[in-house]
Amino acid sequence: MHGTHSAGGHLAGIARELQRRGHRAVTVDQPMHGTEAFVPEAYQRQDLRALATEPSPLAELTLDDYARRVEGHVRDAARHGPVVLVGHSMGGTSVSRVADAVPRLLDRICYFAAFCPSRAMPSLEACMSSPEAADAMDPDEQVIGDPEKLGVIRLNWRTGSAKDLALFKEMVCADYPDAAFRRILGLMQTDECVRAYGERAVGRAHTWGRVPRTYLRTGRDRLVPPALQDRMIAEADELTPHNRFDVRDFPRASHMGPPDPGLVADALHEVRLGRR
């Protein structure tokens, strides 16, 4: 499950490596993402003035829409065997929502540099407003248009600005070669719905809290800083001390994880087999 401004294609390399290890692996596109992506006409033309006001259908989406999409995939997959649900970045909010709704269908949940809201930080927005997120990269200067009027956070990933590109790379994949960074940019989406950032996504102890869980921790993450990852892990463990996170650490990885997708696939393969 992908994160904000993203698509299932960003996780295709990990899915491919899992398939090579004998697993069924499916990447999920959220509504109006990936193969359903909304591409503003002004974005295609790089008309930034028009891009600042062009309406977006993503403004109507909610976190319920995202969780409903993921739950549908989980229900389909559960007919064929045990399910490990993995969410990257903002995808963690859908993982929490779905695990709370259908815990019996999940063998394990996994947060990959992902948001795991808690009672103290009940939404993605609350997590990013915490002291532990103070040094996160902030793309406010790169936002196109007024998010409150558009209903979306809009970013121009096709920018030619060296300053903007440097920030995007540091924020998403600082340790990747430039060629790989450009491939990632090619899959990024302009819009993400504002509403979903502020909606509650807290798992309850008797539902979400009974599903075994893993956190893939990225030690050089500038979007979800390690200090925030550690707080989310600690608050989840405090809620269910009998079922604590199994933490797999990638100390040199940025937000997208290690450049070699095989390393993440190895960790998920071990998790699926119950190894530590």
C-alpha atoms as a PDB file:
ATOM      1  CA  MET A   1       0.000   0.000   0.000  1.00  0.00           C
ATOM      2  CA  HIS A   2       1.598   3.250  -1.216  1.00  0.00           C
ATOM      3  CA  GLY A   3       1.835   6.631   0.470  1.00  0.00           C
ATOM      4  CA  THR A   4       0.959  10.233  -0.279  1.00  0.00           C
ATOM      5  CA  HIS A   5       1.277  11.551  -3.860  1.00  0.00           C
ATOM      6  CA  SER A   6       2.340   8.044  -4.804  1.00  0.00           C
ATOM      7  CA  ALA A   7       1.178   4.856  -6.516  1.00  0.00           C
ATOM      8  CA  GLY A   8       1.483   1.111  -6.289  1.00  0.00           C
ATOM      9  CA  GLY A   9       4.173   1.280  -8.952  1.00  0.00           C
ATOM     10  CA  HIS A  10       6.616   2.694  -6.415  1.00  0.00           C
ATOM     11  CA  LEU A  11       6.472  -0.643  -4.575  1.00  0.00           C
ATOM     12  CA  ALA A  12       6.559  -2.847  -7.675  1.00  0.00           C
ATOM     13  CA  GLY A  13      10.243  -3.680  -7.203  1.00  0.00           C
ATOM     14  CA  ILE A  14       9.600  -5.025  -3.702  1.00  0.00           C
ATOM     15  CA  ALA A  15       6.565  -6.981  -4.924  1.00  0.00           C
ATOM     16  CA  ARG A  16       8.645  -8.494  -7.741  1.00  0.00           C
ATOM     17  CA  GLU A  17      11.337  -9.576  -5.281  1.00  0.00           C
ATOM     18  CA  LEU A  18       8.723 -11.165  -3.008  1.00  0.00           C
ATOM     19  CA  GLN A  19       7.326 -13.063  -5.966  1.00  0.00           C
ATOM     20  CA  ARG A  20      10.812 -14.376  -6.708  1.00  0.00           C
ATOM     21  CA  ARG A  21      10.863 -15.700  -3.133  1.00  0.00           C
ATOM     22  CA  GLY A  22       7.636 -17.614  -3.743  1.00  0.00           C
ATOM     23  CA  HIS A  23       5.040 -15.203  -2.345  1.00  0.00           C
ATOM     24  CA  ARG A  24       1.906 -13.784  -3.923  1.00  0.00           C
ATOM     25  CA  ALA A  25       2.410 -10.018  -3.780  1.00  0.00           C
ATOM     26  CA  VAL A  26       0.006  -7.323  -4.979  1.00  0.00           C
ATOM     27  CA  THR A  27       0.524  -3.565  -5.036  1.00  0.00           C
ATOM     28  CA  VAL A  28      -2.581  -1.468  -4.449  1.00  0.00           C
ATOM     29  CA  ASP A  29      -3.473   1.816  -6.126  1.00  0.00           C
ATOM     30  CA  GLN A  30      -5.697   4.040  -4.027  1.00  0.00           C
ATOM     31  CA  PRO A  31      -8.680   5.698  -5.756  1.00  0.00           C
ATOM     32  CA  MET A  32      -7.526   8.186  -8.412  1.00  0.00           C
ATOM     33  CA  HIS A  33      -3.899   7.087  -7.978  1.00  0.00           C
ATOM     34  CA  GLY A  34      -1.610   5.002 -10.161  1.00  0.00           C
ATOM     35  CA  THR A  35      -3.510   3.531 -13.089  1.00  0.00           C
ATOM     36  CA  GLU A  36      -6.483   5.722 -12.119  1.00  0.00           C
ATOM     37  CA  ALA A  37      -4.380   8.847 -11.649  1.00  0.00           C
ATOM     38  CA  PHE A  38      -5.836  12.284 -12.136  1.00  0.00           C
ATOM     39  CA  VAL A  39      -3.385  14.371 -14.176  1.00  0.00           C
ATOM     40  CA  PRO A  40      -4.302  18.079 -14.290  1.00  0.00           C
ATOM     41  CA  GLU A  41      -4.351  19.427 -17.822  1.00  0.00           C
ATOM     42  CA  ALA A  42      -2.276  22.415 -16.692  1.00  0.00           C
ATOM     43  CA  TYR A  43       0.310  20.037 -15.207  1.00  0.00           C
ATOM     44  CA  GLN A  44       0.792  18.400 -18.586  1.00  0.00           C
ATOM     45  CA  ARG A  45       1.376  21.838 -20.137  1.00  0.00           C
ATOM     46  CA  GLN A  46       3.377  23.078 -17.132  1.00  0.00           C
ATOM     47  CA  ASP A  47       1.167  26.140 -16.934  1.00  0.00           C
ATOM     48  CA  LEU A  48       1.744  26.923 -13.263  1.00  0.00           C
ATOM     49  CA  ARG A  49      -0.710  29.812 -13.157  1.00  0.00           C
ATOM     50  CA  ALA A  50      -3.550  27.602 -14.398  1.00  0.00           C
ATOM     51  CA  LEU A  51      -2.342  24.700 -12.245  1.00  0.00           C
ATOM     52  CA  ALA A  52      -2.860  26.831  -9.131  1.00  0.00           C
ATOM     53  CA  THR A  53      -6.629  26.892  -9.705  1.00  0.00           C
ATOM     54  CA  GLU A  54      -7.535  23.801 -11.771  1.00  0.00           C
ATOM     55  CA  PRO A  55     -10.098  21.753  -9.784  1.00  0.00           C
ATOM     56  CA  SER A  56      -9.227  18.264  -8.585  1.00  0.00           C
ATOM     57  CA  PRO A  57     -11.585  15.298  -8.106  1.00  0.00           C
ATOM     58  CA  LEU A  58      -9.319  14.080  -5.296  1.00  0.00           C
ATOM     59  CA  ALA A  59     -10.760  16.859  -3.142  1.00  0.00           C
ATOM     60  CA  GLU A  60     -13.852  14.683  -2.656  1.00  0.00           C
ATOM     61  CA  LEU A  61     -11.934  11.670  -1.329  1.00  0.00           C
ATOM     62  CA  THR A  62     -11.686  10.703   2.330  1.00  0.00           C
ATOM     63  CA  LEU A  63      -9.689   8.221   4.360  1.00  0.00           C
ATOM     64  CA  ASP A  64     -12.804   6.036   4.295  1.00  0.00           C
ATOM     65  CA  ASP A  65     -12.418   5.747   0.517  1.00  0.00           C
ATOM     66  CA  TYR A  66      -8.785   4.736   0.894  1.00  0.00           C
ATOM     67  CA  ALA A  67      -9.452   2.177   3.638  1.00  0.00           C
ATOM     68  CA  ARG A  68     -12.408   0.747   1.677  1.00  0.00           C
ATOM     69  CA  ARG A  69     -10.164   0.145  -1.337  1.00  0.00           C
ATOM     70  CA  VAL A  70      -7.537  -1.639   0.764  1.00  0.00           C
ATOM     71  CA  GLU A  71     -10.105  -3.694   2.663  1.00  0.00           C
ATOM     72  CA  GLY A  72     -11.500  -4.918  -0.643  1.00  0.00           C
ATOM     73  CA  HIS A  73      -8.074  -6.190  -1.670  1.00  0.00           C
ATOM     74  CA  VAL A  74      -7.600  -7.830   1.745  1.00  0.00           C
ATOM     75  CA  ARG A  75     -10.933  -9.637   1.476  1.00  0.00           C
ATOM     76  CA  ASP A  76     -10.013 -10.928  -1.984  1.00  0.00           C
ATOM     77  CA  ALA A  77      -6.528 -12.029  -0.907  1.00  0.00           C
ATOM     78  CA  ALA A  78      -7.751 -13.726   2.274  1.00  0.00           C
ATOM     79  CA  ARG A  79      -9.632 -16.274   0.162  1.00  0.00           C
ATOM     80  CA  HIS A  80      -6.277 -17.603  -1.062  1.00  0.00           C
ATOM     81  CA  GLY A  81      -4.286 -17.788   2.187  1.00  0.00           C
ATOM     82  CA  PRO A  82      -2.769 -15.734   5.008  1.00  0.00           C
ATOM     83  CA  VAL A  83      -2.427 -12.000   4.377  1.00  0.00           C
ATOM     84  CA  VAL A  84       0.383  -9.656   5.375  1.00  0.00           C
ATOM     85  CA  LEU A  85      -0.733  -6.062   4.794  1.00  0.00           C
ATOM     86  CA  VAL A  86       2.132  -3.584   4.261  1.00  0.00           C
ATOM     87  CA  GLY A  87       1.683   0.184   4.180  1.00  0.00           C
ATOM     88  CA  HIS A  88       4.328   2.715   3.198  1.00  0.00           C
ATOM     89  CA  SER A  89       4.223   6.286   4.541  1.00  0.00           C
ATOM     90  CA  MET A  90       0.619   7.583   4.468  1.00  0.00           C
ATOM     91  CA  GLY A  91      -0.420   4.021   3.640  1.00  0.00           C
ATOM     92  CA  GLY A  92       0.001   3.260   7.319  1.00  0.00           C
ATOM     93  CA  THR A  93      -3.249   5.073   8.067  1.00  0.00           C
ATOM     94  CA  SER A  94      -5.120   2.651   5.804  1.00  0.00           C
ATOM     95  CA  VAL A  95      -3.334  -0.286   7.437  1.00  0.00           C
ATOM     96  CA  SER A  96      -4.552   0.891  10.852  1.00  0.00           C
ATOM     97  CA  ARG A  97      -8.107   1.449   9.616  1.00  0.00           C
ATOM     98  CA  VAL A  98      -8.321  -1.944   7.884  1.00  0.00           C
ATOM     99  CA  ALA A  99      -6.708  -3.887  10.731  1.00  0.00           C
ATOM    100  CA  ASP A 100      -9.227  -2.291  13.087  1.00  0.00           C
ATOM    101  CA  ALA A 101     -12.120  -3.271  10.806  1.00  0.00           C
ATOM    102  CA  VAL A 102     -11.182  -6.835   9.785  1.00  0.00           C
ATOM    103  CA  PRO A 103      -8.427  -8.113  12.116  1.00  0.00           C
ATOM    104  CA  ARG A 104      -9.503 -11.725  11.571  1.00  0.00           C
ATOM    105  CA  LEU A 105      -8.491 -11.483   7.895  1.00  0.00           C
ATOM    106  CA  LEU A 106      -4.917 -10.433   8.617  1.00  0.00           C
ATOM    107  CA  ASP A 107      -1.993 -12.648   9.538  1.00  0.00           C
ATOM    108  CA  ARG A 108       0.260  -9.624  10.168  1.00  0.00           C
ATOM    109  CA  ILE A 109       0.415  -5.886   9.483  1.00  0.00           C
ATOM    110  CA  CYS A 110       3.566  -4.014   8.554  1.00  0.00           C
ATOM    111  CA  TYR A 111       4.350  -0.301   8.645  1.00  0.00           C
ATOM    112  CA  PHE A 112       7.132   0.631   6.219  1.00  0.00           C
ATOM    113  CA  ALA A 113       8.417   4.103   7.192  1.00  0.00           C
ATOM    114  CA  ALA A 114       4.711   4.628   7.772  1.00  0.00           C
ATOM    115  CA  PHE A 115       2.355   6.618   9.940  1.00  0.00           C
ATOM    116  CA  CYS A 116       0.886   4.644  12.815  1.00  0.00           C
ATOM    117  CA  PRO A 117      -1.392   7.148  14.597  1.00  0.00           C
ATOM    118  CA  SER A 118      -2.099   6.756  18.313  1.00  0.00           C
ATOM    119  CA  ARG A 119      -4.521   8.136  20.885  1.00  0.00           C
ATOM    120  CA  ALA A 120      -2.107  11.024  21.494  1.00  0.00           C
ATOM    121  CA  MET A 121      -1.520  11.562  17.755  1.00  0.00           C
ATOM    122  CA  PRO A 122      -4.770  10.379  16.121  1.00  0.00           C
ATOM    123  CA  SER A 123      -4.103  11.450  12.532  1.00  0.00           C
ATOM    124  CA  LEU A 124      -1.286  11.908  10.060  1.00  0.00           C
ATOM    125  CA  GLU A 125      -1.572  15.649  10.590  1.00  0.00           C
ATOM    126  CA  ALA A 126      -1.237  15.223  14.355  1.00  0.00           C
ATOM    127  CA  CYS A 127       1.823  13.011  13.907  1.00  0.00           C
ATOM    128  CA  MET A 128       3.494  15.640  11.716  1.00  0.00           C
ATOM    129  CA  SER A 129       2.660  18.373  14.244  1.00  0.00           C
ATOM    130  CA  SER A 130       4.479  16.538  17.037  1.00  0.00           C
ATOM    131  CA  PRO A 131       7.888  17.679  18.386  1.00  0.00           C
ATOM    132  CA  GLU A 132       9.409  14.480  16.991  1.00  0.00           C
ATOM    133  CA  ALA A 133       8.580  15.657  13.446  1.00  0.00           C
ATOM    134  CA  ALA A 134      10.131  19.098  13.887  1.00  0.00           C
ATOM    135  CA  ASP A 135      13.067  18.400  11.567  1.00  0.00           C
ATOM    136  CA  ALA A 136      11.009  16.779   8.782  1.00  0.00           C
ATOM    137  CA  MET A 137      11.460  18.213   5.283  1.00  0.00           C
ATOM    138  CA  ASP A 138       8.634  20.660   4.626  1.00  0.00           C
ATOM    139  CA  PRO A 139       7.570  21.252   0.982  1.00  0.00           C
ATOM    140  CA  ASP A 140       5.321  24.222   1.851  1.00  0.00           C
ATOM    141  CA  GLU A 141       7.157  26.508  -0.573  1.00  0.00           C
ATOM    142  CA  GLN A 142       6.617  23.974  -3.363  1.00  0.00           C
ATOM    143  CA  VAL A 143       2.839  23.709  -2.906  1.00  0.00           C
ATOM    144  CA  ILE A 144       0.894  24.979  -5.931  1.00  0.00           C
ATOM    145  CA  GLY A 145      -2.310  26.925  -5.242  1.00  0.00           C
ATOM    146  CA  ASP A 146      -4.323  27.213  -2.025  1.00  0.00           C
ATOM    147  CA  PRO A 147      -4.908  23.771  -0.451  1.00  0.00           C
ATOM    148  CA  GLU A 148      -8.018  24.960   1.382  1.00  0.00           C
ATOM    149  CA  LYS A 149      -9.629  26.159  -1.847  1.00  0.00           C
ATOM    150  CA  LEU A 150      -8.476  23.228  -3.976  1.00  0.00           C
ATOM    151  CA  GLY A 151      -9.062  20.572  -1.322  1.00  0.00           C
ATOM    152  CA  VAL A 152      -5.723  18.967  -2.223  1.00  0.00           C
ATOM    153  CA  ILE A 153      -2.030  19.409  -1.577  1.00  0.00           C
ATOM    154  CA  ARG A 154      -0.669  19.970  -5.097  1.00  0.00           C
ATOM    155  CA  LEU A 155       3.023  19.583  -5.972  1.00  0.00           C
ATOM    156  CA  ASN A 156       4.786  20.061  -9.305  1.00  0.00           C
ATOM    157  CA  TRP A 157       7.062  17.043  -9.596  1.00  0.00           C
ATOM    158  CA  ARG A 158       8.021  18.047 -13.157  1.00  0.00           C
ATOM    159  CA  THR A 159       9.651  21.250 -11.985  1.00  0.00           C
ATOM    160  CA  GLY A 160      12.943  22.363 -13.496  1.00  0.00           C
ATOM    161  CA  SER A 161      13.905  24.275 -10.346  1.00  0.00           C
ATOM    162  CA  ALA A 162      17.161  22.955  -8.910  1.00  0.00           C
ATOM    163  CA  LYS A 163      16.079  24.107  -5.444  1.00  0.00           C
ATOM    164  CA  ASP A 164      12.776  22.240  -5.602  1.00  0.00           C
ATOM    165  CA  LEU A 165      14.368  19.099  -7.013  1.00  0.00           C
ATOM    166  CA  ALA A 166      17.005  19.087  -4.279  1.00  0.00           C
ATOM    167  CA  LEU A 167      14.303  19.332  -1.615  1.00  0.00           C
ATOM    168  CA  PHE A 168      12.217  16.578  -3.194  1.00  0.00           C
ATOM    169  CA  LYS A 169      15.195  14.250  -3.367  1.00  0.00           C
ATOM    170  CA  GLU A 170      16.232  14.893   0.234  1.00  0.00           C
ATOM    171  CA  MET A 171      12.643  14.415   1.349  1.00  0.00           C
ATOM    172  CA  VAL A 172      11.977  11.166  -0.519  1.00  0.00           C
ATOM    173  CA  CYS A 173      15.153   9.296  -1.483  1.00  0.00           C
ATOM    174  CA  ALA A 174      18.328  11.168  -0.533  1.00  0.00           C
ATOM    175  CA  ASP A 175      20.562   8.106  -0.964  1.00  0.00           C
ATOM    176  CA  TYR A 176      19.327   7.126  -4.451  1.00  0.00           C
ATOM    177  CA  PRO A 177      21.223   7.822  -7.692  1.00  0.00           C
ATOM    178  CA  ASP A 178      19.824  10.728  -9.689  1.00  0.00           C
ATOM    179  CA  ALA A 179      18.536   8.396 -12.411  1.00  0.00           C
ATOM    180  CA  ALA A 180      16.517   6.423  -9.851  1.00  0.00           C
ATOM    181  CA  PHE A 181      15.236   9.668  -8.331  1.00  0.00           C
ATOM    182  CA  ARG A 182      13.936  10.774 -11.723  1.00  0.00           C
ATOM    183  CA  ARG A 183      12.133   7.441 -12.161  1.00  0.00           C
ATOM    184  CA  ILE A 184      10.448   7.962  -8.805  1.00  0.00           C
ATOM    185  CA  LEU A 185       9.415  11.487  -9.813  1.00  0.00           C
ATOM    186  CA  GLY A 186       7.861  10.100 -12.980  1.00  0.00           C
ATOM    187  CA  LEU A 187       5.370   8.082 -10.912  1.00  0.00           C
ATOM    188  CA  MET A 188       4.531  10.817  -8.394  1.00  0.00           C
ATOM    189  CA  GLN A 189       1.082  12.413  -8.480  1.00  0.00           C
ATOM    190  CA  THR A 190       0.390  16.106  -8.284  1.00  0.00           C
ATOM    191  CA  ASP A 191      -2.540  15.890  -5.867  1.00  0.00           C
ATOM    192  CA  GLU A 192      -3.331  14.355  -2.501  1.00  0.00           C
ATOM    193  CA  CYS A 193      -6.604  15.049  -0.709  1.00  0.00           C
ATOM    194  CA  VAL A 194      -6.277  17.411   2.243  1.00  0.00           C
ATOM    195  CA  ARG A 195      -9.084  15.778   4.201  1.00  0.00           C
ATOM    196  CA  ALA A 196      -7.302  12.448   4.616  1.00  0.00           C
ATOM    197  CA  TYR A 197      -4.369  14.047   6.417  1.00  0.00           C
ATOM    198  CA  GLY A 198      -6.552  15.132   9.312  1.00  0.00           C
ATOM    199  CA  GLU A 199      -8.865  12.131   9.671  1.00  0.00           C
ATOM    200  CA  ARG A 200      -8.580   9.741  12.577  1.00  0.00           C
ATOM    201  CA  ALA A 201      -6.788   6.414  12.035  1.00  0.00           C
ATOM    202  CA  VAL A 202      -6.240   4.916  15.479  1.00  0.00           C
ATOM    203  CA  GLY A 203      -6.361   1.189  16.044  1.00  0.00           C
ATOM    204  CA  ARG A 204      -8.163  -0.207  19.071  1.00  0.00           C
ATOM    205  CA  ALA A 205      -6.463  -2.645  21.442  1.00  0.00           C
ATOM    206  CA  HIS A 206      -9.068  -5.426  21.049  1.00  0.00           C
ATOM    207  CA  THR A 207      -9.106  -5.338  17.221  1.00  0.00           C
ATOM    208  CA  TRP A 208      -6.069  -3.759  15.548  1.00  0.00           C
ATOM    209  CA  GLY A 209      -4.048  -4.528  18.687  1.00  0.00           C
ATOM    210  CA  ARG A 210      -4.449  -8.283  18.389  1.00  0.00           C
ATOM    211  CA  VAL A 211      -2.834  -8.488  14.922  1.00  0.00           C
ATOM    212  CA  PRO A 212       0.939  -9.212  14.997  1.00  0.00           C
ATOM    213  CA  ARG A 213       2.802  -6.201  13.634  1.00  0.00           C
ATOM    214  CA  THR A 214       6.189  -5.197  12.219  1.00  0.00           C
ATOM    215  CA  TYR A 215       7.779  -1.805  11.670  1.00  0.00           C
ATOM    216  CA  LEU A 216      10.397  -1.300   8.951  1.00  0.00           C
ATOM    217  CA  ARG A 217      12.333   1.636  10.386  1.00  0.00           C
ATOM    218  CA  THR A 218      14.244   3.981   8.060  1.00  0.00           C
ATOM    219  CA  GLY A 219      17.091   5.616   9.952  1.00  0.00           C
ATOM    220  CA  ARG A 220      17.791   8.565   7.610  1.00  0.00           C
ATOM    221  CA  ASP A 221      14.201   9.429   6.788  1.00  0.00           C
ATOM    222  CA  ARG A 222      13.600  13.152   6.259  1.00  0.00           C
ATOM    223  CA  LEU A 223       9.833  12.862   5.706  1.00  0.00           C
ATOM    224  CA  VAL A 224       8.888  10.615   8.641  1.00  0.00           C
ATOM    225  CA  PRO A 225      11.866  11.266  10.945  1.00  0.00           C
ATOM    226  CA  PRO A 226      13.273   8.380  12.999  1.00  0.00           C
ATOM    227  CA  ALA A 227      12.281  10.136  16.235  1.00  0.00           C
ATOM    228  CA  LEU A 228       8.650  10.154  15.085  1.00  0.00           C
ATOM    229  CA  GLN A 229       8.858   6.533  13.981  1.00  0.00           C
ATOM    230  CA  ASP A 230      10.202   5.627  17.425  1.00  0.00           C
ATOM    231  CA  ARG A 231       7.403   7.511  19.203  1.00  0.00           C
ATOM    232  CA  MET A 232       4.712   5.827  17.099  1.00  0.00           C
ATOM    233  CA  ILE A 233       6.247   2.429  17.835  1.00  0.00           C
ATOM    234  CA  ALA A 234       6.452   3.190  21.571  1.00  0.00           C
ATOM    235  CA  GLU A 235       2.851   4.433  21.817  1.00  0.00           C
ATOM    236  CA  ALA A 236       1.536   1.389  19.957  1.00  0.00           C
ATOM    237  CA  ASP A 237       3.500  -0.900  22.271  1.00  0.00           C
ATOM    238  CA  GLU A 238       2.143   0.962  25.297  1.00  0.00           C
ATOM    239  CA  LEU A 239      -1.420   0.281  24.099  1.00  0.00           C
ATOM    240  CA  THR A 240      -0.777  -3.455  23.626  1.00  0.00           C
ATOM    241  CA  PRO A 241       2.283  -4.458  25.708  1.00  0.00           C
ATOM    242  CA  HIS A 242       1.413  -8.116  25.098  1.00  0.00           C
ATOM    243  CA  ASN A 243       1.723  -7.576  21.323  1.00  0.00           C
ATOM    244  CA  ARG A 244       4.659  -5.310  20.590  1.00  0.00           C
ATOM    245  CA  PHE A 245       6.130  -4.208  17.281  1.00  0.00           C
ATOM    246  CA  ASP A 246       8.769  -6.415  15.713  1.00  0.00           C
ATOM    247  CA  VAL A 247      11.152  -3.681  14.486  1.00  0.00           C
ATOM    248  CA  ARG A 248      13.415  -4.232  11.482  1.00  0.00           C
ATOM    249  CA  ASP A 249      15.930  -1.411  11.144  1.00  0.00           C
ATOM    250  CA  PHE A 250      17.407   0.059   7.959  1.00  0.00           C
ATOM    251  CA  PRO A 251      19.750   2.594   9.598  1.00  0.00           C
ATOM    252  CA  ARG A 252      21.059   4.154   6.366  1.00  0.00           C
ATOM    253  CA  ALA A 253      17.766   4.240   4.457  1.00  0.00           C
ATOM    254  CA  SER A 254      15.790   7.322   3.444  1.00  0.00           C
ATOM    255  CA  HIS A 255      11.999   7.460   3.158  1.00  0.00           C
ATOM    256  CA  MET A 256      11.646   5.150   0.134  1.00  0.00           C
ATOM    257  CA  GLY A 257      13.754   2.529   1.860  1.00  0.00           C
ATOM    258  CA  PRO A 258      17.026   1.017   0.635  1.00  0.00           C
ATOM    259  CA  PRO A 259      17.790   1.484  -3.090  1.00  0.00           C
ATOM    260  CA  ASP A 260      17.941  -2.322  -3.359  1.00  0.00           C
ATOM    261  CA  PRO A 261      14.310  -3.550  -3.055  1.00  0.00           C
ATOM    262  CA  GLY A 262      15.624  -7.012  -2.297  1.00  0.00           C
ATOM    263  CA  LEU A 263      16.598  -5.879   1.211  1.00  0.00           C
ATOM    264  CA  VAL A 264      13.014  -4.942   2.062  1.00  0.00           C
ATOM    265  CA  ALA A 265      11.756  -8.127   0.413  1.00  0.00           C
ATOM    266  CA  ASP A 266      14.178 -10.149   2.543  1.00  0.00           C
ATOM    267  CA  ALA A 267      12.783  -8.550   5.703  1.00  0.00           C
ATOM    268  CA  LEU A 268       9.173  -9.188   4.645  1.00  0.00           C
ATOM    269  CA  HIS A 269      10.053 -12.760   3.643  1.00  0.00           C
ATOM    270  CA  GLU A 270      11.458 -13.376   7.123  1.00  0.00           C
ATOM    271  CA  VAL A 271       8.425 -11.764   8.742  1.00  0.00           C
ATOM    272  CA  ARG A 272       6.115 -14.036   6.736  1.00  0.00           C
ATOM    273  CA  LEU A 273       8.055 -17.076   7.882  1.00  0.00           C
ATOM    274  CA  GLY A 274       7.982 -15.880  11.489  1.00  0.00           C
ATOM    275  CA  ARG A 275      11.723 -15.364  11.758  1.00  0.00           C
ATOM    276  CA  ARG A 276      13.474 -12.669  13.799  1.00  0.00           C
END
